Amino acid sequence: MQCRNCGAEIADNALICYRCGTATTEAKYKPAAPGRRRGSSNIVVTAIALALLVVLALYMGRVPSGQSPRFLSWIVVAFAVLLVATRAYLRRRK
């Protein structure tokens, strides 16, 4: 048999050409496609967000009704929007 790349005469049962290294047949097995991995940063962001929300909920629960600072409510809303935007960005990036 002749090599399909360099034309050298090779054995009929050879897997590769001894001269150029080209495979004589197509590969029987193809490598598995890489699976989707969840990045550790995604888990860290979620854990931090949950911890901060729990701390804020505990603080808001201890403050008498109607006496919590208005800026704290805006901080909680801004944090929630930031969390949703970050999660959407991380999912889209993958």
PDB file of N, CA and C in Angstrom:
ATOM      1  N   MET A   1       0.859  -1.170   0.000  1.00  0.00           N
ATOM      2  CA  MET A   1       0.000   0.000   0.000  1.00  0.00           C
ATOM      3  C   MET A   1       0.903   1.230   0.000  1.00  0.00           C
ATOM      4  N   GLN A   2       0.374   2.314  -0.546  1.00  0.00           N
ATOM      5  CA  GLN A   2       1.137   3.559  -0.581  1.00  0.00           C
ATOM      6  C   GLN A   2       0.531   4.573   0.383  1.00  0.00           C
ATOM      7  N   CYS A   3       1.400   5.379   0.980  1.00  0.00           N
ATOM      8  CA  CYS A   3       0.954   6.452   1.887  1.00  0.00           C
ATOM      9  C   CYS A   3       0.179   7.485   1.079  1.00  0.00           C
ATOM     10  N   ARG A   4      -0.923   7.916   1.595  1.00  0.00           N
ATOM     11  CA  ARG A   4      -1.740   8.906   0.887  1.00  0.00           C
ATOM     12  C   ARG A   4      -1.152  10.308   0.966  1.00  0.00           C
ATOM     13  N   ASN A   5      -0.167  10.506   1.847  1.00  0.00           N
ATOM     14  CA  ASN A   5       0.434  11.829   1.984  1.00  0.00           C
ATOM     15  C   ASN A   5       1.743  11.959   1.201  1.00  0.00           C
ATOM     16  N   CYS A   6       2.675  11.025   1.459  1.00  0.00           N
ATOM     17  CA  CYS A   6       3.995  11.171   0.836  1.00  0.00           C
ATOM     18  C   CYS A   6       4.239  10.158  -0.284  1.00  0.00           C
ATOM     19  N   GLY A   7       3.392   9.138  -0.411  1.00  0.00           N
ATOM     20  CA  GLY A   7       3.530   8.164  -1.486  1.00  0.00           C
ATOM     21  C   GLY A   7       4.511   7.044  -1.205  1.00  0.00           C
ATOM     22  N   ALA A   8       5.046   6.961   0.010  1.00  0.00           N
ATOM     23  CA  ALA A   8       6.002   5.906   0.361  1.00  0.00           C
ATOM     24  C   ALA A   8       5.294   4.563   0.391  1.00  0.00           C
ATOM     25  N   GLU A   9       6.000   3.496   0.055  1.00  0.00           N
ATOM     26  CA  GLU A   9       5.444   2.143   0.107  1.00  0.00           C
ATOM     27  C   GLU A   9       5.482   1.681   1.569  1.00  0.00           C
ATOM     28  N   ILE A  10       4.310   1.332   2.111  1.00  0.00           N
ATOM     29  CA  ILE A  10       4.221   0.877   3.510  1.00  0.00           C
ATOM     30  C   ILE A  10       3.473  -0.446   3.556  1.00  0.00           C
ATOM     31  N   ALA A  11       3.579  -1.128   4.678  1.00  0.00           N
ATOM     32  CA  ALA A  11       2.926  -2.427   4.852  1.00  0.00           C
ATOM     33  C   ALA A  11       1.406  -2.268   4.805  1.00  0.00           C
ATOM     34  N   ASP A  12       0.736  -3.339   4.388  1.00  0.00           N
ATOM     35  CA  ASP A  12      -0.723  -3.284   4.263  1.00  0.00           C
ATOM     36  C   ASP A  12      -1.419  -3.103   5.612  1.00  0.00           C
ATOM     37  N   ASN A  13      -0.828  -3.596   6.695  1.00  0.00           N
ATOM     38  CA  ASN A  13      -1.471  -3.486   7.998  1.00  0.00           C
ATOM     39  C   ASN A  13      -0.889  -2.354   8.854  1.00  0.00           C
ATOM     40  N   ALA A  14      -0.140  -1.447   8.261  1.00  0.00           N
ATOM     41  CA  ALA A  14       0.459  -0.332   9.000  1.00  0.00           C
ATOM     42  C   ALA A  14      -0.623   0.660   9.423  1.00  0.00           C
ATOM     43  N   LEU A  15      -0.455   1.208  10.621  1.00  0.00           N
ATOM     44  CA  LEU A  15      -1.395   2.208  11.120  1.00  0.00           C
ATOM     45  C   LEU A  15      -0.983   3.622  10.719  1.00  0.00           C
ATOM     46  N   ILE A  16       0.346   3.826  10.653  1.00  0.00           N
ATOM     47  CA  ILE A  16       0.857   5.133  10.247  1.00  0.00           C
ATOM     48  C   ILE A  16       2.010   4.933   9.267  1.00  0.00           C
ATOM     49  N   CYS A  17       2.306   5.966   8.499  1.00  0.00           N
ATOM     50  CA  CYS A  17       3.429   5.928   7.564  1.00  0.00           C
ATOM     51  C   CYS A  17       4.728   6.092   8.342  1.00  0.00           C
ATOM     52  N   TYR A  18       5.706   5.239   8.056  1.00  0.00           N
ATOM     53  CA  TYR A  18       6.987   5.312   8.775  1.00  0.00           C
ATOM     54  C   TYR A  18       7.792   6.539   8.366  1.00  0.00           C
ATOM     55  N   ARG A  19       7.481   7.116   7.228  1.00  0.00           N
ATOM     56  CA  ARG A  19       8.268   8.250   6.743  1.00  0.00           C
ATOM     57  C   ARG A  19       7.689   9.591   7.227  1.00  0.00           C
ATOM     58  N   CYS A  20       6.396   9.795   7.062  1.00  0.00           N
ATOM     59  CA  CYS A  20       5.821  11.110   7.400  1.00  0.00           C
ATOM     60  C   CYS A  20       4.916  11.093   8.634  1.00  0.00           C
ATOM     61  N   GLY A  21       4.496   9.911   9.102  1.00  0.00           N
ATOM     62  CA  GLY A  21       3.670   9.826  10.307  1.00  0.00           C
ATOM     63  C   GLY A  21       2.185  10.002  10.087  1.00  0.00           C
ATOM     64  N   THR A  22       1.743  10.080   8.829  1.00  0.00           N
ATOM     65  CA  THR A  22       0.322  10.240   8.525  1.00  0.00           C
ATOM     66  C   THR A  22      -0.418   8.931   8.793  1.00  0.00           C
ATOM     67  N   ALA A  23      -1.607   9.027   9.387  1.00  0.00           N
ATOM     68  CA  ALA A  23      -2.423   7.845   9.654  1.00  0.00           C
ATOM     69  C   ALA A  23      -2.883   7.238   8.330  1.00  0.00           C
ATOM     70  N   THR A  24      -2.944   5.908   8.275  1.00  0.00           N
ATOM     71  CA  THR A  24      -3.364   5.234   7.045  1.00  0.00           C
ATOM     72  C   THR A  24      -4.881   5.113   6.954  1.00  0.00           C
ATOM     73  N   THR A  25      -5.572   5.184   8.076  1.00  0.00           N
ATOM     74  CA  THR A  25      -7.035   5.110   8.084  1.00  0.00           C
ATOM     75  C   THR A  25      -7.577   6.209   8.986  1.00  0.00           C
ATOM     76  N   GLU A  26      -8.865   6.421   8.878  1.00  0.00           N
ATOM     77  CA  GLU A  26      -9.513   7.395   9.766  1.00  0.00           C
ATOM     78  C   GLU A  26      -9.607   6.785  11.163  1.00  0.00           C
ATOM     79  N   ALA A  27      -9.595   7.623  12.162  1.00  0.00           N
ATOM     80  CA  ALA A  27      -9.670   7.155  13.552  1.00  0.00           C
ATOM     81  C   ALA A  27     -11.013   6.467  13.799  1.00  0.00           C
ATOM     82  N   LYS A  28     -10.967   5.342  14.515  1.00  0.00           N
ATOM     83  CA  LYS A  28     -12.188   4.623  14.849  1.00  0.00           C
ATOM     84  C   LYS A  28     -12.960   5.341  15.942  1.00  0.00           C
ATOM     85  N   TYR A  29     -12.228   5.901  16.887  1.00  0.00           N
ATOM     86  CA  TYR A  29     -12.855   6.546  18.031  1.00  0.00           C
ATOM     87  C   TYR A  29     -12.573   8.040  17.984  1.00  0.00           C
ATOM     88  N   LYS A  30     -13.600   8.795  18.206  1.00  0.00           N
ATOM     89  CA  LYS A  30     -13.446  10.242  18.258  1.00  0.00           C
ATOM     90  C   LYS A  30     -13.487  10.656  19.724  1.00  0.00           C
ATOM     91  N   PRO A  31     -12.694  11.639  20.092  1.00  0.00           N
ATOM     92  CA  PRO A  31     -12.706  12.066  21.489  1.00  0.00           C
ATOM     93  C   PRO A  31     -14.074  12.628  21.874  1.00  0.00           C
ATOM     94  N   ALA A  32     -14.428  12.409  23.104  1.00  0.00           N
ATOM     95  CA  ALA A  32     -15.716  12.887  23.594  1.00  0.00           C
ATOM     96  C   ALA A  32     -15.726  14.405  23.627  1.00  0.00           C
ATOM     97  N   ALA A  33     -16.888  14.959  23.334  1.00  0.00           N
ATOM     98  CA  ALA A  33     -17.024  16.418  23.378  1.00  0.00           C
ATOM     99  C   ALA A  33     -16.915  16.867  24.830  1.00  0.00           C
ATOM    100  N   PRO A  34     -16.214  17.956  25.075  1.00  0.00           N
ATOM    101  CA  PRO A  34     -16.082  18.422  26.457  1.00  0.00           C
ATOM    102  C   PRO A  34     -17.437  18.818  27.009  1.00  0.00           C
ATOM    103  N   GLY A  35     -17.708  18.371  28.219  1.00  0.00           N
ATOM    104  CA  GLY A  35     -18.981  18.673  28.854  1.00  0.00           C
ATOM    105  C   GLY A  35     -18.981  20.066  29.434  1.00  0.00           C
ATOM    106  N   ARG A  36     -20.161  20.559  29.707  1.00  0.00           N
ATOM    107  CA  ARG A  36     -20.269  21.880  30.339  1.00  0.00           C
ATOM    108  C   ARG A  36     -19.888  21.767  31.789  1.00  0.00           C
ATOM    109  N   ARG A  37     -18.961  22.589  32.171  1.00  0.00           N
ATOM    110  CA  ARG A  37     -18.546  22.613  33.571  1.00  0.00           C
ATOM    111  C   ARG A  37     -19.028  23.902  34.197  1.00  0.00           C
ATOM    112  N   ARG A  38     -19.498  23.770  35.382  1.00  0.00           N
ATOM    113  CA  ARG A  38     -19.890  24.963  36.112  1.00  0.00           C
ATOM    114  C   ARG A  38     -18.661  25.513  36.788  1.00  0.00           C
ATOM    115  N   GLY A  39     -18.401  26.735  36.535  1.00  0.00           N
ATOM    116  CA  GLY A  39     -17.236  27.364  37.121  1.00  0.00           C
ATOM    117  C   GLY A  39     -17.409  27.568  38.614  1.00  0.00           C
ATOM    118  N   SER A  40     -16.327  27.530  39.335  1.00  0.00           N
ATOM    119  CA  SER A  40     -16.391  27.741  40.772  1.00  0.00           C
ATOM    120  C   SER A  40     -16.752  29.185  41.086  1.00  0.00           C
ATOM    121  N   SER A  41     -16.460  30.111  40.169  1.00  0.00           N
ATOM    122  CA  SER A  41     -16.810  31.508  40.414  1.00  0.00           C
ATOM    123  C   SER A  41     -18.322  31.678  40.483  1.00  0.00           C
ATOM    124  N   ASN A  42     -19.043  30.891  39.721  1.00  0.00           N
ATOM    125  CA  ASN A  42     -20.505  30.950  39.738  1.00  0.00           C
ATOM    126  C   ASN A  42     -21.035  30.541  41.111  1.00  0.00           C
ATOM    127  N   ILE A  43     -20.468  29.518  41.682  1.00  0.00           N
ATOM    128  CA  ILE A  43     -20.903  29.044  42.991  1.00  0.00           C
ATOM    129  C   ILE A  43     -20.519  30.049  44.071  1.00  0.00           C
ATOM    130  N   VAL A  44     -19.338  30.638  43.946  1.00  0.00           N
ATOM    131  CA  VAL A  44     -18.877  31.618  44.931  1.00  0.00           C
ATOM    132  C   VAL A  44     -19.781  32.847  44.919  1.00  0.00           C
ATOM    133  N   VAL A  45     -20.121  33.329  43.735  1.00  0.00           N
ATOM    134  CA  VAL A  45     -21.004  34.497  43.631  1.00  0.00           C
ATOM    135  C   VAL A  45     -22.347  34.204  44.276  1.00  0.00           C
ATOM    136  N   THR A  46     -22.888  33.031  44.035  1.00  0.00           N
ATOM    137  CA  THR A  46     -24.176  32.657  44.618  1.00  0.00           C
ATOM    138  C   THR A  46     -24.093  32.572  46.135  1.00  0.00           C
ATOM    139  N   ALA A  47     -23.025  31.969  46.660  1.00  0.00           N
ATOM    140  CA  ALA A  47     -22.870  31.830  48.114  1.00  0.00           C
ATOM    141  C   ALA A  47     -22.736  33.192  48.788  1.00  0.00           C
ATOM    142  N   ILE A  48     -21.947  34.081  48.206  1.00  0.00           N
ATOM    143  CA  ILE A  48     -21.776  35.417  48.784  1.00  0.00           C
ATOM    144  C   ILE A  48     -23.095  36.181  48.749  1.00  0.00           C
ATOM    145  N   ALA A  49     -23.803  36.076  47.636  1.00  0.00           N
ATOM    146  CA  ALA A  49     -25.074  36.778  47.509  1.00  0.00           C
ATOM    147  C   ALA A  49     -26.083  36.286  48.541  1.00  0.00           C
ATOM    148  N   LEU A  50     -26.164  34.990  48.712  1.00  0.00           N
ATOM    149  CA  LEU A  50     -27.093  34.444  49.698  1.00  0.00           C
ATOM    150  C   LEU A  50     -26.722  34.859  51.111  1.00  0.00           C
ATOM    151  N   ALA A  51     -25.433  34.850  51.424  1.00  0.00           N
ATOM    152  CA  ALA A  51     -24.986  35.249  52.767  1.00  0.00           C
ATOM    153  C   ALA A  51     -25.338  36.710  53.030  1.00  0.00           C
ATOM    154  N   LEU A  52     -25.094  37.583  52.061  1.00  0.00           N
ATOM    155  CA  LEU A  52     -25.425  38.999  52.247  1.00  0.00           C
ATOM    156  C   LEU A  52     -26.925  39.227  52.374  1.00  0.00           C
ATOM    157  N   LEU A  53     -27.712  38.489  51.593  1.00  0.00           N
ATOM    158  CA  LEU A  53     -29.163  38.629  51.698  1.00  0.00           C
ATOM    159  C   LEU A  53     -29.673  38.164  53.062  1.00  0.00           C
ATOM    160  N   VAL A  54     -29.081  37.108  53.591  1.00  0.00           N
ATOM    161  CA  VAL A  54     -29.486  36.626  54.920  1.00  0.00           C
ATOM    162  C   VAL A  54     -29.129  37.665  55.985  1.00  0.00           C
ATOM    163  N   VAL A  55     -27.924  38.224  55.897  1.00  0.00           N
ATOM    164  CA  VAL A  55     -27.513  39.244  56.867  1.00  0.00           C
ATOM    165  C   VAL A  55     -28.436  40.455  56.789  1.00  0.00           C
ATOM    166  N   LEU A  56     -28.752  40.909  55.574  1.00  0.00           N
ATOM    167  CA  LEU A  56     -29.653  42.051  55.430  1.00  0.00           C
ATOM    168  C   LEU A  56     -31.056  41.730  55.935  1.00  0.00           C
ATOM    169  N   ALA A  57     -31.530  40.519  55.694  1.00  0.00           N
ATOM    170  CA  ALA A  57     -32.861  40.130  56.172  1.00  0.00           C
ATOM    171  C   ALA A  57     -32.887  40.113  57.702  1.00  0.00           C
ATOM    172  N   LEU A  58     -31.824  39.608  58.307  1.00  0.00           N
ATOM    173  CA  LEU A  58     -31.771  39.596  59.773  1.00  0.00           C
ATOM    174  C   LEU A  58     -31.745  41.022  60.320  1.00  0.00           C
ATOM    175  N   TYR A  59     -30.984  41.898  59.697  1.00  0.00           N
ATOM    176  CA  TYR A  59     -30.923  43.296  60.139  1.00  0.00           C
ATOM    177  C   TYR A  59     -32.273  43.980  59.983  1.00  0.00           C
ATOM    178  N   MET A  60     -32.902  43.785  58.843  1.00  0.00           N
ATOM    179  CA  MET A  60     -34.199  44.416  58.601  1.00  0.00           C
ATOM    180  C   MET A  60     -35.263  43.871  59.559  1.00  0.00           C
ATOM    181  N   GLY A  61     -35.129  42.615  59.970  1.00  0.00           N
ATOM    182  CA  GLY A  61     -36.080  42.032  60.908  1.00  0.00           C
ATOM    183  C   GLY A  61     -35.921  42.570  62.317  1.00  0.00           C
ATOM    184  N   ARG A  62     -34.749  43.006  62.675  1.00  0.00           N
ATOM    185  CA  ARG A  62     -34.497  43.518  64.021  1.00  0.00           C
ATOM    186  C   ARG A  62     -34.868  44.990  64.166  1.00  0.00           C
ATOM    187  N   VAL A  63     -34.880  45.728  63.050  1.00  0.00           N
ATOM    188  CA  VAL A  63     -35.223  47.143  63.088  1.00  0.00           C
ATOM    189  C   VAL A  63     -36.740  47.265  63.152  1.00  0.00           C
ATOM    190  N   PRO A  64     -37.267  48.112  64.045  1.00  0.00           N
ATOM    191  CA  PRO A  64     -38.718  48.275  64.114  1.00  0.00           C
ATOM    192  C   PRO A  64     -39.303  48.733  62.782  1.00  0.00           C
ATOM    193  N   SER A  65     -40.526  48.355  62.556  1.00  0.00           N
ATOM    194  CA  SER A  65     -41.197  48.637  61.290  1.00  0.00           C
ATOM    195  C   SER A  65     -41.231  50.137  61.003  1.00  0.00           C
ATOM    196  N   GLY A  66     -40.852  50.513  59.791  1.00  0.00           N
ATOM    197  CA  GLY A  66     -40.892  51.903  59.364  1.00  0.00           C
ATOM    198  C   GLY A  66     -39.694  52.725  59.798  1.00  0.00           C
ATOM    199  N   GLN A  67     -38.771  52.150  60.550  1.00  0.00           N
ATOM    200  CA  GLN A  67     -37.629  52.918  61.035  1.00  0.00           C
ATOM    201  C   GLN A  67     -36.320  52.551  60.349  1.00  0.00           C
ATOM    202  N   SER A  68     -36.375  51.667  59.384  1.00  0.00           N
ATOM    203  CA  SER A  68     -35.149  51.313  58.680  1.00  0.00           C
ATOM    204  C   SER A  68     -34.749  52.462  57.759  1.00  0.00           C
ATOM    205  N   PRO A  69     -33.468  52.734  57.646  1.00  0.00           N
ATOM    206  CA  PRO A  69     -33.018  53.829  56.784  1.00  0.00           C
ATOM    207  C   PRO A  69     -33.412  53.583  55.325  1.00  0.00           C
ATOM    208  N   ARG A  70     -33.819  54.640  54.655  1.00  0.00           N
ATOM    209  CA  ARG A  70     -34.276  54.513  53.272  1.00  0.00           C
ATOM    210  C   ARG A  70     -33.137  54.061  52.352  1.00  0.00           C
ATOM    211  N   PHE A  71     -31.920  54.530  52.625  1.00  0.00           N
ATOM    212  CA  PHE A  71     -30.794  54.149  51.772  1.00  0.00           C
ATOM    213  C   PHE A  71     -30.520  52.648  51.847  1.00  0.00           C
ATOM    214  N   LEU A  72     -30.830  52.029  52.984  1.00  0.00           N
ATOM    215  CA  LEU A  72     -30.617  50.588  53.117  1.00  0.00           C
ATOM    216  C   LEU A  72     -31.539  49.818  52.169  1.00  0.00           C
ATOM    217  N   SER A  73     -32.767  50.297  52.030  1.00  0.00           N
ATOM    218  CA  SER A  73     -33.694  49.649  51.092  1.00  0.00           C
ATOM    219  C   SER A  73     -33.170  49.766  49.663  1.00  0.00           C
ATOM    220  N   TRP A  74     -32.620  50.927  49.314  1.00  0.00           N
ATOM    221  CA  TRP A  74     -32.060  51.114  47.969  1.00  0.00           C
ATOM    222  C   TRP A  74     -30.832  50.230  47.766  1.00  0.00           C
ATOM    223  N   ILE A  75     -30.048  50.049  48.799  1.00  0.00           N
ATOM    224  CA  ILE A  75     -28.873  49.176  48.695  1.00  0.00           C
ATOM    225  C   ILE A  75     -29.310  47.739  48.437  1.00  0.00           C
ATOM    226  N   VAL A  76     -30.342  47.295  49.125  1.00  0.00           N
ATOM    227  CA  VAL A  76     -30.843  45.929  48.935  1.00  0.00           C
ATOM    228  C   VAL A  76     -31.357  45.749  47.507  1.00  0.00           C
ATOM    229  N   VAL A  77     -32.097  46.732  47.003  1.00  0.00           N
ATOM    230  CA  VAL A  77     -32.628  46.645  45.634  1.00  0.00           C
ATOM    231  C   VAL A  77     -31.473  46.658  44.626  1.00  0.00           C
ATOM    232  N   ALA A  78     -30.488  47.553  44.835  1.00  0.00           N
ATOM    233  CA  ALA A  78     -29.351  47.618  43.924  1.00  0.00           C
ATOM    234  C   ALA A  78     -28.565  46.308  43.938  1.00  0.00           C
ATOM    235  N   PHE A  79     -28.400  45.729  45.105  1.00  0.00           N
ATOM    236  CA  PHE A  79     -27.690  44.463  45.216  1.00  0.00           C
ATOM    237  C   PHE A  79     -28.434  43.356  44.479  1.00  0.00           C
ATOM    238  N   ALA A  80     -29.750  43.327  44.604  1.00  0.00           N
ATOM    239  CA  ALA A  80     -30.539  42.296  43.921  1.00  0.00           C
ATOM    240  C   ALA A  80     -30.412  42.449  42.399  1.00  0.00           C
ATOM    241  N   VAL A  81     -30.455  43.696  41.906  1.00  0.00           N
ATOM    242  CA  VAL A  81     -30.311  43.921  40.466  1.00  0.00           C
ATOM    243  C   VAL A  81     -28.918  43.514  40.008  1.00  0.00           C
ATOM    244  N   LEU A  82     -27.907  43.857  40.783  1.00  0.00           N
ATOM    245  CA  LEU A  82     -26.531  43.486  40.450  1.00  0.00           C
ATOM    246  C   LEU A  82     -26.360  41.966  40.434  1.00  0.00           C
ATOM    247  N   LEU A  83     -26.971  41.299  41.381  1.00  0.00           N
ATOM    248  CA  LEU A  83     -26.895  39.842  41.441  1.00  0.00           C
ATOM    249  C   LEU A  83     -27.532  39.207  40.201  1.00  0.00           C
ATOM    250  N   VAL A  84     -28.703  39.677  39.816  1.00  0.00           N
ATOM    251  CA  VAL A  84     -29.379  39.121  38.643  1.00  0.00           C
ATOM    252  C   VAL A  84     -28.559  39.384  37.383  1.00  0.00           C
ATOM    253  N   ALA A  85     -28.008  40.587  37.252  1.00  0.00           N
ATOM    254  CA  ALA A  85     -27.213  40.918  36.072  1.00  0.00           C
ATOM    255  C   ALA A  85     -25.936  40.072  36.007  1.00  0.00           C
ATOM    256  N   THR A  86     -25.290  39.863  37.140  1.00  0.00           N
ATOM    257  CA  THR A  86     -24.066  39.052  37.177  1.00  0.00           C
ATOM    258  C   THR A  86     -24.356  37.611  36.795  1.00  0.00           C
ATOM    259  N   ARG A  87     -25.414  37.060  37.331  1.00  0.00           N
ATOM    260  CA  ARG A  87     -25.780  35.677  37.007  1.00  0.00           C
ATOM    261  C   ARG A  87     -26.100  35.539  35.514  1.00  0.00           C
ATOM    262  N   ALA A  88     -26.817  36.507  34.947  1.00  0.00           N
ATOM    263  CA  ALA A  88     -27.143  36.447  33.526  1.00  0.00           C
ATOM    264  C   ALA A  88     -25.884  36.539  32.675  1.00  0.00           C
ATOM    265  N   TYR A  89     -24.951  37.396  33.075  1.00  0.00           N
ATOM    266  CA  TYR A  89     -23.692  37.538  32.335  1.00  0.00           C
ATOM    267  C   TYR A  89     -22.884  36.241  32.387  1.00  0.00           C
ATOM    268  N   LEU A  90     -22.796  35.626  33.555  1.00  0.00           N
ATOM    269  CA  LEU A  90     -22.028  34.390  33.692  1.00  0.00           C
ATOM    270  C   LEU A  90     -22.653  33.253  32.897  1.00  0.00           C
ATOM    271  N   ARG A  91     -23.947  33.186  32.852  1.00  0.00           N
ATOM    272  CA  ARG A  91     -24.601  32.129  32.066  1.00  0.00           C
ATOM    273  C   ARG A  91     -24.430  32.358  30.576  1.00  0.00           C
ATOM    274  N   ARG A  92     -24.508  33.602  30.129  1.00  0.00           N
ATOM    275  CA  ARG A  92     -24.371  33.896  28.709  1.00  0.00           C
ATOM    276  C   ARG A  92     -22.932  33.681  28.235  1.00  0.00           C
ATOM    277  N   ARG A  93     -21.975  33.947  29.111  1.00  0.00           N
ATOM    278  CA  ARG A  93     -20.562  33.811  28.752  1.00  0.00           C
ATOM    279  C   ARG A  93     -20.217  32.363  28.460  1.00  0.00           C
ATOM    280  N   LYS A  94     -20.896  31.422  29.068  1.00  0.00           N
ATOM    281  CA  LYS A  94     -20.615  30.003  28.839  1.00  0.00           C
ATOM    282  C   LYS A  94     -21.331  29.580  27.632  1.00  0.00           C
TER     283      LYS A  94
END
